[in-house]
Amino acid sequence: LIDIINVHDCGKLVNPQLAEAQVHGGMSMAIGYGMNEQLLFDEKTGRPLNGNLLDYKLSTIMDHPHLEAQFVENPEPTHPYETKALGEPPACPGGPAIRNAILNATGVAIDELPVNSQRLYEAFKKAGLLDETD
């Protein structure tokens, strides 16, 4: 990833710095969901195989590109301050946006998250983008 830009319908923008921080947090979650977070289970017992922070790979600041949050103010009349949610909604479009960027760049559609290097390699090989010797 190089850049992620999230244009967010925030209702009435009350605190721009806090709003940007909330959206950046949601975008960070989206990067994890879209690129590396995957809970694995033992098929026989159903127990998690990576149920701790040593084995479950969370994204870190080193995995993040430039994050940009922009806001569209559209006051919400049913809320006393005319605001809308900021933290969780940006987590939803990240995975599909990453998938669509890969599709746009390569012509290969990957329909399973996370889009990690193993899935990319398998999909590119199947699409004939890689030689069998790679």
N, C-alpha and C. Protein backbone atom coordinates (compact mmCIF):
# COMPACT_ATOMS: atom_id res chain seq x y z
N LEU A 1 0.83 -1.19 0.00
CA LEU A 1 0.00 0.00 0.00
C LEU A 1 0.87 1.24 0.00
N ILE A 2 0.44 2.23 -0.74
CA ILE A 2 1.16 3.50 -0.79
C ILE A 2 0.36 4.58 -0.09
N ASP A 3 -0.91 4.69 -0.42
CA ASP A 3 -1.79 5.69 0.17
C ASP A 3 -3.16 5.09 0.42
N ILE A 4 -3.79 5.57 1.46
CA ILE A 4 -5.21 5.29 1.67
C ILE A 4 -5.87 6.63 1.99
N ILE A 5 -6.91 6.93 1.24
CA ILE A 5 -7.67 8.15 1.48
C ILE A 5 -9.09 7.73 1.82
N ASN A 6 -9.60 8.23 2.94
CA ASN A 6 -10.95 7.92 3.36
C ASN A 6 -11.73 9.23 3.39
N VAL A 7 -12.76 9.33 2.58
CA VAL A 7 -13.65 10.48 2.61
C VAL A 7 -14.86 10.06 3.41
N HIS A 8 -15.07 10.73 4.53
CA HIS A 8 -16.02 10.25 5.53
C HIS A 8 -17.16 11.25 5.73
N ASP A 9 -18.39 10.74 5.67
CA ASP A 9 -19.57 11.54 6.01
C ASP A 9 -19.65 11.57 7.53
N CYS A 10 -19.28 12.70 8.11
CA CYS A 10 -19.13 12.78 9.57
C CYS A 10 -20.30 13.46 10.26
N GLY A 11 -21.32 13.86 9.52
CA GLY A 11 -22.34 14.68 10.16
C GLY A 11 -21.74 16.07 10.34
N LYS A 12 -21.98 16.67 11.48
CA LYS A 12 -21.36 17.95 11.79
C LYS A 12 -19.99 17.67 12.41
N LEU A 13 -18.94 18.27 11.88
CA LEU A 13 -17.59 18.05 12.38
C LEU A 13 -17.36 18.94 13.60
N VAL A 14 -17.25 18.31 14.77
CA VAL A 14 -17.13 19.04 16.03
C VAL A 14 -15.67 19.25 16.40
N ASN A 15 -14.85 18.20 16.34
CA ASN A 15 -13.44 18.28 16.72
C ASN A 15 -12.61 17.65 15.60
N PRO A 16 -12.08 18.47 14.69
CA PRO A 16 -11.38 17.93 13.51
C PRO A 16 -10.20 17.02 13.84
N GLN A 17 -9.40 17.36 14.84
CA GLN A 17 -8.24 16.53 15.17
C GLN A 17 -8.67 15.17 15.72
N LEU A 18 -9.64 15.16 16.60
CA LEU A 18 -10.13 13.89 17.15
C LEU A 18 -10.81 13.07 16.06
N ALA A 19 -11.56 13.72 15.19
CA ALA A 19 -12.22 13.02 14.09
C ALA A 19 -11.19 12.35 13.18
N GLU A 20 -10.12 13.07 12.86
CA GLU A 20 -9.07 12.50 12.01
C GLU A 20 -8.41 11.31 12.70
N ALA A 21 -8.16 11.41 13.99
CA ALA A 21 -7.56 10.30 14.74
C ALA A 21 -8.48 9.08 14.75
N GLN A 22 -9.77 9.29 14.92
CA GLN A 22 -10.72 8.18 14.91
C GLN A 22 -10.74 7.49 13.55
N VAL A 23 -10.76 8.27 12.48
CA VAL A 23 -10.79 7.71 11.13
C VAL A 23 -9.47 6.98 10.83
N HIS A 24 -8.35 7.54 11.27
CA HIS A 24 -7.07 6.85 11.07
C HIS A 24 -7.07 5.50 11.79
N GLY A 25 -7.66 5.44 12.98
CA GLY A 25 -7.76 4.17 13.69
C GLY A 25 -8.58 3.15 12.91
N GLY A 26 -9.70 3.57 12.36
CA GLY A 26 -10.51 2.67 11.54
C GLY A 26 -9.79 2.22 10.29
N MET A 27 -9.03 3.12 9.68
CA MET A 27 -8.25 2.77 8.49
C MET A 27 -7.16 1.77 8.85
N SER A 28 -6.57 1.93 10.02
CA SER A 28 -5.56 0.98 10.49
C SER A 28 -6.16 -0.40 10.67
N MET A 29 -7.36 -0.46 11.22
CA MET A 29 -8.05 -1.74 11.34
C MET A 29 -8.30 -2.35 9.96
N ALA A 30 -8.66 -1.53 9.01
CA ALA A 30 -8.93 -2.00 7.65
C ALA A 30 -7.69 -2.60 7.01
N ILE A 31 -6.54 -2.01 7.26
CA ILE A 31 -5.29 -2.55 6.72
C ILE A 31 -5.05 -3.94 7.29
N GLY A 32 -5.25 -4.09 8.60
CA GLY A 32 -5.08 -5.41 9.22
C GLY A 32 -6.04 -6.43 8.67
N TYR A 33 -7.33 -6.06 8.59
CA TYR A 33 -8.33 -6.99 8.07
C TYR A 33 -8.01 -7.38 6.63
N GLY A 34 -7.60 -6.39 5.85
CA GLY A 34 -7.42 -6.61 4.42
C GLY A 34 -6.14 -7.31 4.04
N MET A 35 -5.08 -7.19 4.88
CA MET A 35 -3.79 -7.67 4.43
C MET A 35 -3.13 -8.75 5.28
N ASN A 36 -3.45 -8.85 6.56
CA ASN A 36 -2.68 -9.85 7.31
C ASN A 36 -3.39 -10.52 8.47
N GLU A 37 -4.46 -9.99 9.00
CA GLU A 37 -5.08 -10.62 10.15
C GLU A 37 -5.93 -11.82 9.73
N GLN A 38 -5.64 -12.96 10.33
CA GLN A 38 -6.38 -14.18 10.02
C GLN A 38 -6.34 -15.10 11.23
N LEU A 39 -7.49 -15.36 11.81
CA LEU A 39 -7.58 -16.27 12.93
C LEU A 39 -7.69 -17.70 12.39
N LEU A 40 -6.74 -18.54 12.77
CA LEU A 40 -6.69 -19.93 12.28
C LEU A 40 -7.18 -20.87 13.37
N PHE A 41 -7.91 -21.93 12.96
CA PHE A 41 -8.47 -22.88 13.90
C PHE A 41 -8.00 -24.30 13.58
N ASP A 42 -7.87 -25.11 14.61
CA ASP A 42 -7.62 -26.54 14.46
C ASP A 42 -8.90 -27.17 13.95
N GLU A 43 -8.84 -27.90 12.86
CA GLU A 43 -10.05 -28.47 12.26
C GLU A 43 -10.70 -29.53 13.15
N LYS A 44 -9.91 -30.23 13.94
CA LYS A 44 -10.47 -31.29 14.79
C LYS A 44 -11.07 -30.75 16.08
N THR A 45 -10.40 -29.82 16.72
CA THR A 45 -10.85 -29.36 18.04
C THR A 45 -11.60 -28.04 17.99
N GLY A 46 -11.39 -27.26 16.94
CA GLY A 46 -12.01 -25.95 16.86
C GLY A 46 -11.28 -24.89 17.66
N ARG A 47 -10.18 -25.26 18.28
CA ARG A 47 -9.42 -24.29 19.08
C ARG A 47 -8.58 -23.39 18.18
N PRO A 48 -8.42 -22.14 18.59
CA PRO A 48 -7.56 -21.24 17.80
C PRO A 48 -6.11 -21.69 17.80
N LEU A 49 -5.48 -21.61 16.65
CA LEU A 49 -4.07 -21.95 16.52
C LEU A 49 -3.17 -20.74 16.73
N ASN A 50 -3.72 -19.56 16.56
CA ASN A 50 -2.94 -18.34 16.73
C ASN A 50 -3.69 -17.34 17.61
N GLY A 51 -4.12 -17.81 18.76
CA GLY A 51 -4.94 -17.01 19.66
C GLY A 51 -4.17 -16.14 20.62
N ASN A 52 -2.96 -15.73 20.26
CA ASN A 52 -2.19 -14.82 21.11
C ASN A 52 -1.50 -13.80 20.22
N LEU A 53 -0.98 -12.75 20.82
CA LEU A 53 -0.38 -11.67 20.03
C LEU A 53 0.99 -12.02 19.45
N LEU A 54 1.56 -13.14 19.85
CA LEU A 54 2.80 -13.58 19.24
C LEU A 54 2.53 -14.22 17.87
N ASP A 55 1.45 -14.98 17.77
CA ASP A 55 1.13 -15.71 16.55
C ASP A 55 0.09 -15.03 15.66
N TYR A 56 -0.78 -14.21 16.24
CA TYR A 56 -1.79 -13.49 15.46
C TYR A 56 -1.16 -12.18 15.01
N LYS A 57 -0.99 -12.02 13.73
CA LYS A 57 -0.22 -10.90 13.20
C LYS A 57 -1.08 -9.65 13.01
N LEU A 58 -0.92 -8.72 13.94
CA LEU A 58 -1.57 -7.41 13.81
C LEU A 58 -0.68 -6.50 12.99
N SER A 59 -1.29 -5.59 12.26
CA SER A 59 -0.48 -4.62 11.52
C SER A 59 0.08 -3.60 12.51
N THR A 60 1.24 -3.08 12.17
CA THR A 60 1.88 -2.07 13.01
C THR A 60 2.09 -0.81 12.18
N ILE A 61 2.65 0.21 12.79
CA ILE A 61 2.91 1.46 12.07
C ILE A 61 3.84 1.22 10.89
N MET A 62 4.68 0.20 10.97
CA MET A 62 5.60 -0.12 9.88
C MET A 62 4.86 -0.66 8.65
N ASP A 63 3.64 -1.15 8.85
CA ASP A 63 2.84 -1.71 7.75
C ASP A 63 1.95 -0.67 7.10
N HIS A 64 1.93 0.54 7.64
CA HIS A 64 0.96 1.54 7.20
C HIS A 64 1.55 2.52 6.19
N PRO A 65 0.78 2.78 5.17
CA PRO A 65 1.17 3.82 4.21
C PRO A 65 0.73 5.18 4.76
N HIS A 66 0.76 6.16 3.90
CA HIS A 66 0.22 7.47 4.25
C HIS A 66 -1.29 7.35 4.39
N LEU A 67 -1.83 7.77 5.53
CA LEU A 67 -3.27 7.75 5.77
C LEU A 67 -3.80 9.17 5.67
N GLU A 68 -4.86 9.34 4.92
CA GLU A 68 -5.46 10.66 4.79
C GLU A 68 -6.96 10.57 5.03
N ALA A 69 -7.44 11.44 5.89
CA ALA A 69 -8.88 11.50 6.19
C ALA A 69 -9.43 12.83 5.70
N GLN A 70 -10.49 12.77 4.93
CA GLN A 70 -11.20 13.96 4.50
C GLN A 70 -12.64 13.82 4.96
N PHE A 71 -13.31 14.95 5.15
CA PHE A 71 -14.65 14.92 5.73
C PHE A 71 -15.64 15.69 4.88
N VAL A 72 -16.84 15.11 4.80
CA VAL A 72 -17.98 15.76 4.18
C VAL A 72 -18.98 15.99 5.31
N GLU A 73 -19.31 17.25 5.54
CA GLU A 73 -20.25 17.55 6.62
C GLU A 73 -21.68 17.49 6.08
N ASN A 74 -22.44 16.61 6.68
CA ASN A 74 -23.83 16.39 6.34
C ASN A 74 -24.56 16.18 7.66
N PRO A 75 -24.96 17.27 8.36
CA PRO A 75 -25.50 17.16 9.71
C PRO A 75 -26.63 16.13 9.84
N GLU A 76 -26.56 15.35 10.91
CA GLU A 76 -27.55 14.30 11.20
C GLU A 76 -28.62 14.88 12.13
N PRO A 77 -29.84 15.11 11.64
CA PRO A 77 -30.87 15.78 12.45
C PRO A 77 -31.36 14.96 13.66
N THR A 78 -31.15 13.64 13.66
CA THR A 78 -31.64 12.83 14.77
C THR A 78 -30.67 12.77 15.94
N HIS A 79 -29.47 13.34 15.78
CA HIS A 79 -28.49 13.34 16.87
C HIS A 79 -28.44 14.74 17.49
N PRO A 80 -28.35 14.83 18.82
CA PRO A 80 -28.38 16.15 19.46
C PRO A 80 -27.26 17.10 19.00
N TYR A 81 -26.11 16.56 18.61
CA TYR A 81 -25.01 17.41 18.13
C TYR A 81 -24.84 17.33 16.61
N GLU A 82 -25.76 16.64 15.96
CA GLU A 82 -25.79 16.48 14.50
C GLU A 82 -24.57 15.73 13.97
N THR A 83 -23.95 14.85 14.79
CA THR A 83 -22.76 14.11 14.39
C THR A 83 -23.11 12.68 13.96
N LYS A 84 -22.12 12.00 13.38
CA LYS A 84 -22.27 10.61 12.97
C LYS A 84 -21.04 9.83 13.45
N ALA A 85 -21.10 8.51 13.37
CA ALA A 85 -20.01 7.64 13.82
C ALA A 85 -18.75 7.89 13.00
N LEU A 86 -17.58 7.75 13.68
CA LEU A 86 -16.31 8.02 13.01
C LEU A 86 -15.32 6.86 13.06
N GLY A 87 -15.32 6.06 14.11
CA GLY A 87 -14.25 5.09 14.32
C GLY A 87 -14.38 3.80 13.54
N GLU A 88 -15.50 3.14 13.61
CA GLU A 88 -15.68 1.84 12.98
C GLU A 88 -15.98 1.90 11.48
N PRO A 89 -16.78 2.84 10.98
CA PRO A 89 -17.10 2.82 9.55
C PRO A 89 -15.90 2.80 8.61
N PRO A 90 -14.78 3.49 8.90
CA PRO A 90 -13.65 3.40 7.97
C PRO A 90 -12.99 2.03 7.92
N ALA A 91 -13.30 1.15 8.86
CA ALA A 91 -12.73 -0.20 8.84
C ALA A 91 -13.39 -1.08 7.77
N CYS A 92 -14.58 -0.72 7.34
CA CYS A 92 -15.33 -1.58 6.41
C CYS A 92 -14.84 -1.55 4.96
N PRO A 93 -14.54 -0.40 4.36
CA PRO A 93 -14.20 -0.41 2.93
C PRO A 93 -12.75 -0.74 2.61
N GLY A 94 -11.89 -0.88 3.60
CA GLY A 94 -10.46 -1.09 3.34
C GLY A 94 -10.15 -2.37 2.60
N GLY A 95 -10.68 -3.50 3.07
CA GLY A 95 -10.43 -4.79 2.42
C GLY A 95 -10.89 -4.79 0.96
N PRO A 96 -12.13 -4.38 0.69
CA PRO A 96 -12.57 -4.33 -0.70
C PRO A 96 -11.77 -3.34 -1.55
N ALA A 97 -11.33 -2.23 -0.96
CA ALA A 97 -10.53 -1.25 -1.71
C ALA A 97 -9.16 -1.85 -2.08
N ILE A 98 -8.55 -2.59 -1.15
CA ILE A 98 -7.27 -3.24 -1.42
C ILE A 98 -7.46 -4.28 -2.53
N ARG A 99 -8.51 -5.06 -2.42
CA ARG A 99 -8.81 -6.08 -3.45
C ARG A 99 -9.01 -5.43 -4.81
N ASN A 100 -9.77 -4.34 -4.86
CA ASN A 100 -10.04 -3.69 -6.13
C ASN A 100 -8.80 -3.01 -6.71
N ALA A 101 -7.91 -2.51 -5.85
CA ALA A 101 -6.66 -1.92 -6.34
C ALA A 101 -5.80 -3.00 -7.00
N ILE A 102 -5.75 -4.19 -6.41
CA ILE A 102 -5.00 -5.30 -7.00
C ILE A 102 -5.63 -5.70 -8.33
N LEU A 103 -6.95 -5.78 -8.37
CA LEU A 103 -7.65 -6.11 -9.62
C LEU A 103 -7.36 -5.07 -10.69
N ASN A 104 -7.41 -3.81 -10.33
CA ASN A 104 -7.15 -2.73 -11.29
C ASN A 104 -5.71 -2.78 -11.81
N ALA A 105 -4.76 -3.09 -10.94
CA ALA A 105 -3.35 -3.10 -11.31
C ALA A 105 -2.94 -4.34 -12.09
N THR A 106 -3.56 -5.48 -11.79
CA THR A 106 -3.08 -6.75 -12.35
C THR A 106 -4.10 -7.50 -13.20
N GLY A 107 -5.38 -7.17 -13.03
CA GLY A 107 -6.43 -7.93 -13.70
C GLY A 107 -6.80 -9.20 -12.96
N VAL A 108 -6.22 -9.42 -11.79
CA VAL A 108 -6.48 -10.62 -11.00
C VAL A 108 -7.42 -10.27 -9.85
N ALA A 109 -8.55 -10.98 -9.78
CA ALA A 109 -9.52 -10.78 -8.70
C ALA A 109 -9.25 -11.78 -7.58
N ILE A 110 -9.00 -11.27 -6.40
CA ILE A 110 -8.79 -12.12 -5.23
C ILE A 110 -9.99 -11.90 -4.33
N ASP A 111 -10.74 -12.96 -4.07
CA ASP A 111 -12.00 -12.81 -3.35
C ASP A 111 -11.98 -13.42 -1.96
N GLU A 112 -10.83 -13.41 -1.34
CA GLU A 112 -10.70 -13.95 0.02
C GLU A 112 -9.71 -13.07 0.79
N LEU A 113 -10.12 -12.69 1.98
CA LEU A 113 -9.24 -11.89 2.84
C LEU A 113 -8.60 -12.77 3.89
N PRO A 114 -7.43 -12.43 4.36
CA PRO A 114 -6.63 -11.28 4.00
C PRO A 114 -5.90 -11.53 2.68
N VAL A 115 -5.58 -10.45 2.00
CA VAL A 115 -4.81 -10.52 0.77
C VAL A 115 -3.34 -10.49 1.17
N ASN A 116 -2.84 -11.63 1.58
CA ASN A 116 -1.44 -11.73 2.01
C ASN A 116 -0.56 -12.20 0.86
N SER A 117 0.74 -12.25 1.09
CA SER A 117 1.66 -12.60 0.00
C SER A 117 1.42 -14.01 -0.54
N GLN A 118 1.03 -14.94 0.32
CA GLN A 118 0.76 -16.31 -0.15
C GLN A 118 -0.43 -16.33 -1.11
N ARG A 119 -1.50 -15.64 -0.76
CA ARG A 119 -2.67 -15.60 -1.65
C ARG A 119 -2.34 -14.89 -2.95
N LEU A 120 -1.56 -13.81 -2.87
CA LEU A 120 -1.17 -13.11 -4.09
C LEU A 120 -0.35 -14.02 -4.99
N TYR A 121 0.61 -14.71 -4.43
CA TYR A 121 1.47 -15.60 -5.21
C TYR A 121 0.62 -16.67 -5.90
N GLU A 122 -0.28 -17.32 -5.15
CA GLU A 122 -1.11 -18.37 -5.73
C GLU A 122 -2.01 -17.82 -6.84
N ALA A 123 -2.61 -16.65 -6.61
CA ALA A 123 -3.52 -16.07 -7.60
C ALA A 123 -2.76 -15.63 -8.86
N PHE A 124 -1.58 -15.04 -8.67
CA PHE A 124 -0.80 -14.60 -9.82
C PHE A 124 -0.28 -15.79 -10.62
N LYS A 125 0.09 -16.84 -9.92
CA LYS A 125 0.56 -18.05 -10.61
C LYS A 125 -0.58 -18.67 -11.41
N LYS A 126 -1.75 -18.77 -10.81
CA LYS A 126 -2.92 -19.34 -11.49
C LYS A 126 -3.31 -18.51 -12.72
N ALA A 127 -3.13 -17.19 -12.62
CA ALA A 127 -3.49 -16.30 -13.74
C ALA A 127 -2.41 -16.27 -14.81
N GLY A 128 -1.29 -16.94 -14.58
CA GLY A 128 -0.22 -16.98 -15.56
C GLY A 128 0.70 -15.78 -15.52
N LEU A 129 0.64 -15.00 -14.45
CA LEU A 129 1.51 -13.84 -14.33
C LEU A 129 2.91 -14.19 -13.84
N LEU A 130 3.08 -15.41 -13.32
CA LEU A 130 4.37 -15.88 -12.83
C LEU A 130 4.76 -17.15 -13.57
N ASP A 131 6.02 -17.31 -13.80
CA ASP A 131 6.52 -18.55 -14.38
C ASP A 131 6.48 -19.65 -13.35
N GLU A 132 6.40 -20.89 -13.78
CA GLU A 132 6.43 -22.03 -12.88
C GLU A 132 7.72 -22.11 -12.10
N THR A 133 8.78 -21.51 -12.61
CA THR A 133 10.09 -21.56 -11.95
C THR A 133 10.23 -20.50 -10.87
N ASP A 134 9.28 -19.55 -10.78
CA ASP A 134 9.36 -18.47 -9.77
C ASP A 134 9.08 -18.99 -8.38
